Structure formats: C-alpha cells, structure tokens
Protein backbone atom coordinates (compact mmCIF):
# COMPACT_ATOMS: atom_id res chain seq x y z
CA UNK A 1 55.22 95.55 39.88
CA UNK A 2 53.75 92.15 40.47
CA UNK A 3 50.23 91.33 39.60
CA UNK A 4 48.17 88.94 41.56
CA UNK A 5 45.89 86.70 39.66
CA UNK A 6 42.49 86.02 41.02
CA UNK A 7 41.00 82.66 40.54
CA UNK A 8 37.86 82.71 38.51
CA UNK A 9 34.86 81.45 40.36
CA UNK A 10 33.47 78.35 38.81
CA UNK A 11 30.00 78.81 37.43
CA UNK A 12 27.43 76.91 39.45
CA UNK A 13 26.62 73.51 38.00
CA UNK A 14 23.45 73.35 35.98
CA UNK A 15 20.80 71.21 37.67
CA UNK A 16 18.19 69.49 35.57
CA UNK A 17 14.97 68.19 37.04
CA UNK A 18 11.69 66.50 36.31
CA UNK A 19 8.53 65.68 38.21
CA UNK A 20 6.74 62.38 37.65
CA UNK A 21 3.33 61.22 38.78
CA UNK A 22 3.28 57.85 40.51
CA UNK A 23 0.86 55.51 38.70
CA UNK A 24 1.64 52.19 40.41
CA UNK A 25 3.85 50.70 43.13
CA UNK A 26 5.29 47.21 43.26
CA UNK A 27 7.29 46.19 46.35
CA UNK A 28 9.51 43.08 46.32
CA UNK A 29 11.62 41.44 48.98
CA UNK A 30 14.54 39.06 48.52
CA UNK A 31 16.50 37.15 51.15
CA UNK A 32 19.39 34.81 50.46
CA UNK A 33 21.09 32.70 53.10
CA UNK A 34 24.03 31.00 51.44
CA UNK A 35 25.93 30.22 54.62
CA UNK A 36 27.83 32.57 56.91
CA UNK A 37 29.69 34.27 54.05
CA UNK A 38 26.64 35.41 52.10
CA UNK A 39 23.46 36.49 53.85
CA UNK A 40 21.72 39.29 52.02
CA UNK A 41 18.43 41.08 52.66
CA UNK A 42 17.20 43.19 49.72
CA UNK A 43 14.02 45.20 49.21
CA UNK A 44 12.83 47.05 46.11
CA UNK A 45 9.89 49.38 45.66
CA UNK A 46 9.29 49.90 41.95
CA UNK A 47 7.42 53.06 41.05
CA UNK A 48 5.80 53.19 37.62
CA UNK A 49 5.57 56.92 36.86
CA UNK A 50 4.76 59.34 34.06
CA UNK A 51 6.89 62.47 33.67
CA UNK A 52 4.60 65.50 33.99
CA UNK A 53 7.01 68.46 34.29
CA UNK A 54 10.64 68.92 33.21
CA UNK A 55 13.48 71.37 32.88
CA UNK A 56 13.64 72.84 29.39
CA UNK A 57 16.45 70.50 28.33
CA UNK A 58 14.50 67.38 29.31
CA UNK A 59 11.27 68.46 27.59
CA UNK A 60 11.37 65.53 25.13
CA UNK A 61 10.67 63.17 28.08
CA UNK A 62 7.42 64.90 29.18
CA UNK A 63 4.49 62.47 29.03
CA UNK A 64 6.79 59.44 28.94
CA UNK A 65 6.89 56.60 31.46
CA UNK A 66 9.82 56.10 33.83
CA UNK A 67 10.44 53.29 36.28
CA UNK A 68 12.04 54.41 39.52
CA UNK A 69 13.42 51.60 41.65
CA UNK A 70 13.98 52.46 45.28
CA UNK A 71 16.20 49.86 46.89
CA UNK A 72 17.59 48.85 50.24
CA UNK A 73 20.12 46.11 50.78
CA UNK A 74 22.03 44.92 53.79
CA UNK A 75 24.20 42.01 54.71
CA UNK A 76 23.00 39.94 57.65
CA UNK A 77 23.33 39.35 60.55
CA UNK A 78 25.87 42.13 61.06
CA UNK A 79 24.00 45.42 60.49
CA UNK A 80 27.30 47.32 60.69
CA UNK A 81 28.12 45.83 57.28
CA UNK A 82 24.98 47.31 55.71
CA UNK A 83 25.44 48.69 52.24
CA UNK A 84 26.05 52.42 52.63
CA UNK A 85 25.11 53.51 49.13
CA UNK A 86 23.90 56.96 48.28
CA UNK A 87 23.70 56.05 44.64
CA UNK A 88 21.13 57.70 42.41
CA UNK A 89 21.79 56.49 38.87
CA UNK A 90 19.57 57.85 36.12
CA UNK A 91 18.98 56.88 32.49
CA UNK A 92 16.88 59.15 30.26
CA UNK A 93 17.04 57.99 26.66
CA UNK A 94 14.59 57.93 23.81
CA UNK A 95 13.65 54.28 24.36
CA UNK A 96 14.38 53.76 28.07
CA UNK A 97 13.87 55.85 31.18
CA UNK A 98 14.80 54.48 34.60
CA UNK A 99 16.40 55.34 37.91
CA UNK A 100 17.73 53.41 40.90
CA UNK A 101 18.09 54.98 44.35
CA UNK A 102 19.14 53.30 47.58
CA UNK A 103 17.15 54.15 50.73
CA UNK A 104 17.40 53.28 54.43
CA UNK A 105 15.24 50.28 55.51
CA UNK A 106 12.65 52.27 57.51
CA UNK A 107 11.90 54.58 54.60
CA UNK A 108 11.54 51.82 52.06
CA UNK A 109 9.11 49.78 54.17
CA UNK A 110 6.89 52.80 54.90
CA UNK A 111 6.77 54.11 51.33
CA UNK A 112 4.14 51.80 49.73
CA UNK A 113 1.61 52.59 52.50
CA UNK A 114 2.23 56.32 52.26
CA UNK A 115 1.72 56.18 48.47
CA UNK A 116 -1.45 54.08 48.84
CA UNK A 117 -2.82 56.72 51.26
CA UNK A 118 -2.14 59.38 48.55
CA UNK A 119 0.13 61.34 50.94
CA UNK A 120 2.77 61.00 48.21
CA UNK A 121 1.64 61.26 44.59
CA UNK A 122 4.71 62.57 42.75
CA UNK A 123 8.48 62.25 42.64
CA UNK A 124 10.90 65.06 41.78
CA UNK A 125 14.39 64.12 40.61
CA UNK A 126 17.27 66.58 40.29
CA UNK A 127 20.34 65.48 38.36
CA UNK A 128 23.61 66.60 36.84
CA UNK A 129 23.92 67.08 33.12
CA UNK A 130 23.25 63.87 31.25
CA UNK A 131 25.93 62.35 29.04
CA UNK A 132 24.50 60.10 26.33
CA UNK A 133 21.30 59.84 28.32
CA UNK A 134 22.98 58.80 31.58
CA UNK A 135 23.62 60.85 34.68
CA UNK A 136 23.86 60.95 38.41
CA UNK A 137 20.87 61.94 40.44
CA UNK A 138 21.49 64.66 42.99
CA UNK A 139 18.26 64.25 44.92
CA UNK A 140 14.89 62.56 44.94
CA UNK A 141 11.91 64.18 46.62
CA UNK A 142 8.59 62.39 47.17
CA UNK A 143 5.49 64.49 47.93
CA UNK A 144 2.35 65.85 46.30
CA UNK A 145 2.60 68.10 43.26
CA UNK A 146 0.88 70.91 45.18
CA UNK A 147 3.47 70.70 47.97
CA UNK A 148 6.32 70.75 45.43
CA UNK A 149 4.91 73.87 43.79
CA UNK A 150 4.37 75.49 47.21
CA UNK A 151 8.02 74.92 48.17
CA UNK A 152 9.22 76.29 44.81
CA UNK A 153 7.09 79.44 45.30
CA UNK A 154 8.58 80.00 48.77
CA UNK A 155 12.12 79.55 47.43
CA UNK A 156 11.59 82.15 44.68
C-alpha cells in the first residue's frame, strides 16, 4: 500500500506593525542635469514622527522618534525610464529608527498639503520580522489614528 504525503501548509508569516504620529514634515526637491546621459528628478518628503503604538515585539520603540523618508525619483526626459521601486526599507534599532519608501510623483507632491490640513496625522507601517534591527516594509498607511482604529475594528 502506498501512502501519499501531504504537504504541510506553511504557517502565515508574522506581521509586525507600529503607528507613529507625524510631528513635522520637510519636503525637498533635487534636479540634476548632467547632459543627456544623466537627468534626474528626485523629491523627498521627510516625516519626523513619534511611535505611539506597536506590536508586542516592537514595544521597546514606543515613544521613540522615527524619520520616515518618502521618495520619488525619475530619469528625465523619458518618463518610461522612471524608477519603478516599491522599496520599503526599515531600520528599528536602539539608537536609530528610519524608513525609506518610494511613492509615485502625484502622491508625494500632494502629501505635505494633506498633512498640513490635518487630514493625515499618523503613519502605520507593517513589516516582516526584523533581523538585527533591519527589515522590509510590507505596507505604509497614512491616515488619522481614529480612522486606523475604525478600520481595525471593522476587520475584527
């Protein structure tokens, strides 16, 4: 009699998250025109935040500052060569906390005004397990804390 082996289902990956209150925004813009080979347009919106809620494993970071840099870069004049990054790199260590995320141009230009109008007050970041304080972000969500809690209540 032959036995068939069933593959074990992989346990779902653990997702870690934190919510941070936006304290200040600092947009920057950079353009370099170094001839036809190198024409780059780059925008950063730096968010100075304080972590207000965390997953249990990230509890040691509650109350600490984190700088989140939202970036957009593209090579000019050919928009088809735009950088197509979906990178969300995260560092959460004892002495440094930062994140870089690449956004589309429309979103990055609108963000400072939306934050100034208080339509967005918090950022939620979900990430994979951290290895030596570094990890890959899975998502970044910008909203108000009340809206985040409302969505979590509906999902439960």
